[in-house]
Protein backbone atom coordinates (compact mmCIF):
# COMPACT_ATOMS: atom_id res chain seq x y z
CA UNK A 1 110.88 165.49 68.04
CA UNK A 2 112.09 167.32 70.99
CA UNK A 3 112.82 171.05 70.68
CA UNK A 4 115.17 172.67 73.20
CA UNK A 5 116.15 176.30 73.45
CA UNK A 6 116.68 179.45 75.37
CA UNK A 7 114.74 182.72 75.76
CA UNK A 8 117.16 184.39 73.43
CA UNK A 9 119.72 183.60 70.75
CA UNK A 10 122.22 186.33 71.38
CA UNK A 11 124.34 187.25 74.35
CA UNK A 12 127.73 188.89 74.71
CA UNK A 13 128.26 186.66 77.79
CA UNK A 14 128.09 183.60 75.60
CA UNK A 15 131.21 184.52 73.65
CA UNK A 16 134.00 182.06 74.44
CA UNK A 17 131.51 179.89 76.47
CA UNK A 18 128.91 178.96 73.82
CA UNK A 19 129.80 181.05 70.80
CA UNK A 20 133.23 181.44 69.39
CA UNK A 21 135.25 184.18 70.91
CA UNK A 22 135.09 186.51 67.88
CA UNK A 23 131.42 185.86 67.21
CA UNK A 24 129.69 189.05 66.11
CA UNK A 25 125.97 189.82 66.84
CA UNK A 26 125.01 189.17 63.22
CA UNK A 27 126.42 185.63 63.51
CA UNK A 28 125.09 184.74 66.88
CA UNK A 29 121.82 183.14 65.60
CA UNK A 30 123.74 180.98 63.15
CA UNK A 31 126.08 179.70 65.96
CA UNK A 32 123.15 179.23 68.33
CA UNK A 33 121.31 177.16 65.71
CA UNK A 34 124.39 174.83 65.38
CA UNK A 35 123.33 173.46 68.79
CA UNK A 36 119.74 174.38 69.67
CA UNK A 37 116.80 173.54 67.42
CA UNK A 38 114.45 176.24 68.84
CA UNK A 39 114.31 179.60 70.53
CA UNK A 40 111.93 181.95 72.28
CA UNK A 41 111.55 184.99 69.90
CA UNK A 42 110.86 187.52 72.70
CA UNK A 43 111.86 190.46 70.58
CA UNK A 44 108.65 190.34 68.59
CA UNK A 45 106.72 191.03 71.83
CA UNK A 46 108.19 194.59 72.03
CA UNK A 47 108.62 195.66 68.41
CA UNK A 48 108.23 194.47 64.81
CA UNK A 49 111.36 193.54 63.04
CA UNK A 50 111.95 194.75 59.49
CA UNK A 51 111.30 192.54 56.52
CA UNK A 52 115.09 192.27 55.86
CA UNK A 53 115.71 191.23 59.46
CA UNK A 54 113.20 188.41 59.06
CA UNK A 55 114.92 187.26 55.92
CA UNK A 56 118.23 187.38 57.69
CA UNK A 57 116.88 185.26 60.46
CA UNK A 58 115.59 182.70 57.92
CA UNK A 59 118.96 182.50 56.23
CA UNK A 60 120.78 182.00 59.47
CA UNK A 61 119.06 178.74 60.54
CA UNK A 62 118.71 175.32 59.10
CA UNK A 63 115.37 173.95 57.78
CA UNK A 64 114.63 172.04 60.91
CA UNK A 65 115.10 175.02 63.27
CA UNK A 66 111.79 176.38 64.87
CA UNK A 67 111.21 179.80 66.23
CA UNK A 68 108.48 180.45 68.85
CA UNK A 69 107.80 184.11 68.34
CA UNK A 70 105.60 186.00 70.85
CA UNK A 71 102.58 187.89 69.68
CA UNK A 72 103.15 191.67 69.99
CA UNK A 73 102.19 193.15 73.43
CA UNK A 74 100.12 195.80 71.66
CA UNK A 75 97.73 192.96 70.73
CA UNK A 76 97.86 190.79 73.85
CA UNK A 77 98.19 193.56 76.44
CA UNK A 78 97.46 196.95 75.11
CA UNK A 79 94.47 195.91 72.89
CA UNK A 80 93.34 193.11 75.14
CA UNK A 81 92.74 190.91 72.09
CA UNK A 82 89.96 193.29 70.97
CA UNK A 83 89.58 195.18 67.73
CA UNK A 84 92.95 193.94 66.45
CA UNK A 85 92.05 191.76 63.37
CA UNK A 86 93.70 194.06 60.92
CA UNK A 87 96.88 194.40 62.97
CA UNK A 88 97.00 190.65 63.49
CA UNK A 89 96.68 189.78 59.81
CA UNK A 90 99.43 192.44 58.99
CA UNK A 91 101.71 190.81 61.63
CA UNK A 92 101.18 187.32 60.15
CA UNK A 93 101.95 188.77 56.69
CA UNK A 94 105.15 190.34 57.92
CA UNK A 95 106.39 187.01 59.23
CA UNK A 96 105.30 185.10 56.13
CA UNK A 97 108.97 184.31 55.03
CA UNK A 98 109.46 182.50 58.21
CA UNK A 99 106.17 180.58 58.47
CA UNK A 100 107.86 177.24 57.69
CA UNK A 101 110.26 177.87 60.54
CA UNK A 102 107.71 178.87 63.08
CA UNK A 103 107.06 176.11 65.69
CA UNK A 104 104.47 178.11 67.61
CA UNK A 105 103.24 181.64 67.98
CA UNK A 106 103.07 182.31 71.74
CA UNK A 107 100.10 184.38 73.11
CA UNK A 108 101.19 185.57 76.49
CA UNK A 109 98.30 187.21 78.29
CA UNK A 110 98.72 189.71 81.09
CA UNK A 111 97.93 188.96 84.73
CA UNK A 112 94.91 191.26 84.43
CA UNK A 113 93.32 188.98 81.80
CA UNK A 114 90.89 186.94 83.97
CA UNK A 115 88.24 184.34 83.52
CA UNK A 116 85.77 187.31 83.13
CA UNK A 117 87.46 187.82 79.80
CA UNK A 118 86.95 184.26 78.56
CA UNK A 119 84.47 185.22 75.83
CA UNK A 120 86.97 187.68 74.50
CA UNK A 121 89.67 185.01 74.36
CA UNK A 122 87.31 182.57 72.60
CA UNK A 123 86.39 185.12 69.97
CA UNK A 124 90.04 186.05 69.43
CA UNK A 125 91.06 182.41 68.91
CA UNK A 126 88.56 182.18 66.10
CA UNK A 127 90.64 184.80 64.23
CA UNK A 128 93.77 182.68 64.14
CA UNK A 129 94.70 181.11 60.84
CA UNK A 130 94.78 177.27 60.62
CA UNK A 131 98.11 177.02 58.85
CA UNK A 132 99.98 178.17 61.91
CA UNK A 133 100.36 176.75 65.30
CA UNK A 134 99.73 178.72 68.51
CA UNK A 135 100.27 178.44 72.18
CA UNK A 136 98.68 180.31 75.14
CA UNK A 137 100.14 181.44 78.44
CA UNK A 138 97.61 182.62 80.99
CA UNK A 139 98.80 184.34 84.20
CA UNK A 140 95.68 185.12 86.22
CA UNK A 141 95.32 182.66 89.14
CA UNK A 142 91.61 182.30 88.18
CA UNK A 143 92.78 179.93 85.41
CA UNK A 144 94.56 177.70 87.88
CA UNK A 145 91.96 176.52 90.34
CA UNK A 146 91.23 173.12 88.69
CA UNK A 147 87.56 174.02 88.50
CA UNK A 148 85.03 174.42 85.79
CA UNK A 149 86.73 177.66 84.50
CA UNK A 150 90.08 175.82 84.04
CA UNK A 151 88.40 172.82 82.44
CA UNK A 152 86.58 175.24 80.06
CA UNK A 153 89.83 176.87 79.10
CA UNK A 154 91.61 173.44 78.51
CA UNK A 155 88.67 172.26 76.48
CA UNK A 156 88.71 175.32 74.32
CA UNK A 157 92.42 174.94 73.65
CA UNK A 158 91.93 171.19 72.86
CA UNK A 159 89.14 171.94 70.43
CA UNK A 160 91.24 174.69 68.71
CA UNK A 161 94.50 172.59 68.92
CA UNK A 162 96.35 175.36 70.82
CA UNK A 163 99.00 174.34 73.24
CA UNK A 164 98.79 175.57 76.85
CA UNK A 165 102.17 176.89 77.95
CA UNK A 166 103.43 175.62 81.25
CA UNK A 167 105.71 178.00 83.13
CA UNK A 168 107.79 176.49 85.98
CA UNK A 169 109.33 179.14 88.11
CA UNK A 170 109.62 177.12 91.36
CA UNK A 171 113.43 176.94 91.25
CA UNK A 172 113.72 180.63 90.75
CA UNK A 173 111.50 181.47 93.69
CA UNK A 174 113.10 178.93 95.99
CA UNK A 175 116.40 180.84 95.60
CA UNK A 176 117.29 183.56 98.06
CA UNK A 177 117.22 186.97 96.39
CA UNK A 178 120.86 187.73 96.84
CA UNK A 179 121.73 189.40 93.49
CA UNK A 180 120.24 192.15 91.42
CA UNK A 181 119.50 189.67 88.59
CA UNK A 182 117.57 187.31 90.94
CA UNK A 183 115.63 190.21 92.50
CA UNK A 184 114.72 191.45 89.04
CA UNK A 185 113.61 187.98 87.86
CA UNK A 186 111.60 187.29 90.84
CA UNK A 187 109.84 190.62 90.40
CA UNK A 188 109.05 190.08 86.68
CA UNK A 189 108.39 186.33 86.33
CA UNK A 190 104.95 184.93 87.36
CA UNK A 191 104.72 182.71 90.44
CA UNK A 192 101.99 180.23 89.26
CA UNK A 193 100.99 176.76 89.94
CA UNK A 194 102.44 174.12 87.57
CA UNK A 195 99.49 172.28 85.88
CA UNK A 196 100.93 169.72 83.49
CA UNK A 197 98.76 169.19 80.51
CA UNK A 198 99.12 168.68 76.71
CA UNK A 199 96.13 170.35 75.02
CA UNK A 200 97.60 169.90 71.49
CA UNK A 201 100.53 168.39 69.73
CA UNK A 202 103.39 170.53 70.99
CA UNK A 203 103.37 170.98 74.74
CA UNK A 204 105.58 173.90 75.72
CA UNK A 205 107.45 174.17 79.03
CA UNK A 206 109.22 177.29 80.10
CA UNK A 207 111.56 176.38 82.93
CA UNK A 208 113.15 179.15 84.99
CA UNK A 209 116.02 177.82 86.91
CA UNK A 210 118.08 179.00 89.87
CA UNK A 211 121.73 180.20 89.61
CA UNK A 212 123.25 176.96 91.06
CA UNK A 213 122.65 174.63 88.07
CA UNK A 214 122.93 171.41 89.97
CA UNK A 215 120.19 172.51 92.37
CA UNK A 216 117.64 172.56 89.54
CA UNK A 217 117.69 168.86 89.18
CA UNK A 218 115.18 168.19 91.96
CA UNK A 219 112.74 170.70 90.43
CA UNK A 220 112.97 169.43 86.81
CA UNK A 221 113.29 165.71 87.66
CA UNK A 222 109.47 165.14 87.31
CA UNK A 223 109.65 166.71 83.82
CA UNK A 224 112.10 163.95 82.62
CA UNK A 225 109.41 161.33 82.73
CA UNK A 226 106.81 163.56 81.40
CA UNK A 227 108.91 164.50 78.40
CA UNK A 228 109.61 160.88 77.64
CA UNK A 229 105.95 160.12 77.95
CA UNK A 230 105.11 162.88 75.52
CA UNK A 231 107.67 161.67 73.03
CA UNK A 232 106.42 158.13 73.26
CA UNK A 233 102.94 159.38 72.60
CA UNK A 234 104.03 160.95 69.38
CA UNK A 235 104.01 164.60 70.64
CA UNK A 236 106.75 167.22 69.93
CA UNK A 237 107.47 168.99 73.22
CA UNK A 238 109.23 172.29 73.35
CA UNK A 239 111.32 173.17 76.42
CA UNK A 240 112.88 176.60 77.04
CA UNK A 241 115.45 177.09 79.77
CA UNK A 242 115.78 180.28 81.60
CA UNK A 243 118.07 181.59 84.44
CA UNK A 244 117.70 184.92 86.31
CA UNK A 245 120.22 186.58 83.83
CA UNK A 246 120.18 183.81 81.21
CA UNK A 247 123.99 183.65 81.22
CA UNK A 248 123.95 179.94 82.12
CA UNK A 249 120.69 179.07 80.32
CA UNK A 250 122.50 177.06 77.56
CA UNK A 251 124.30 174.96 80.23
CA UNK A 252 121.03 174.35 82.09
CA UNK A 253 119.64 173.02 78.86
CA UNK A 254 122.58 170.73 78.37
CA UNK A 255 122.31 169.54 81.93
CA UNK A 256 118.62 168.67 81.45
CA UNK A 257 119.15 166.76 78.14
CA UNK A 258 121.98 164.82 79.69
CA UNK A 259 119.71 163.73 82.45
CA UNK A 260 116.93 162.99 80.02
CA UNK A 261 119.37 160.62 78.26
CA UNK A 262 118.08 161.02 74.79
CA UNK A 263 120.06 161.92 71.63
CA UNK A 264 119.93 165.69 70.94
CA UNK A 265 122.21 168.27 69.23
CA UNK A 266 122.57 170.07 72.57
CA UNK A 267 124.84 167.24 73.57
CA UNK A 268 127.30 168.14 70.80
CA UNK A 269 130.20 170.52 71.45
CA UNK A 270 129.22 174.22 71.45
CA UNK A 271 130.95 176.32 68.83
CA UNK A 272 133.32 177.64 71.52
CA UNK A 273 134.28 174.09 72.48
CA UNK A 274 134.96 173.23 68.72
CA UNK A 275 137.05 176.32 68.49
CA UNK A 276 139.13 175.39 71.63
CA UNK A 277 139.69 171.83 70.29
CA UNK A 278 140.89 173.16 66.90
CA UNK A 279 143.31 175.59 68.60
CA UNK A 280 145.03 172.70 70.38
CA UNK A 281 145.66 170.98 67.14
CA UNK A 282 147.83 173.66 65.66
């Protein structure tokens, strides 16, 4: 199974382009899930949702839909993965109604979390429950040197069946910084080597494209064969498509899946396109 999505499920810019023109914020997840089968749940990184909000999310998506929520920054960044077991268990409990719809819980570590903190990471991973899937994004360059440290990290993730997140920002950083959105994205997004590896059953790729969609083809072209290989190997890859302002992220996802040439719901008409077709019939 191939899971495709964007870094968010709601955007006013998507009304009339992806969503129906009158789509209200409370209905955006439902319309999003008509096309995409996964999403990056970045809101969980900044604040905990209410129990009712979690139930609303569950009721808005079909059974096959998968969220990839980020672990809160208070655990991954502020606490540095230390002395957080009680908070961690409480967070898992909060999201319990959605456990069946969680494809992966993403642990995004700050750039300051270095190989010197490896033992802390190892101890933290032992706290994770076995009934949920997890993925890890490291941002310190010390984990990207193809040396003993990186091999040790990969071996740890393989042993724990945790997916190593691959973030591909090459297209973004190859683009001239001509708009505020691009400048902001280049400031916030990490510029890291792309080391392609599947350490578990659900390799996760976060692809950050440039603003001219067609120009992303050369950058993501090698991913096409890799995704097909993973699918042939029985893996279930997740691919999330970003742009600097994410306005065109859904269209980048559709362009990619068209080039991949496999069946996927993203190839179906967006709710906005269905609405336009229906309006021409009357």
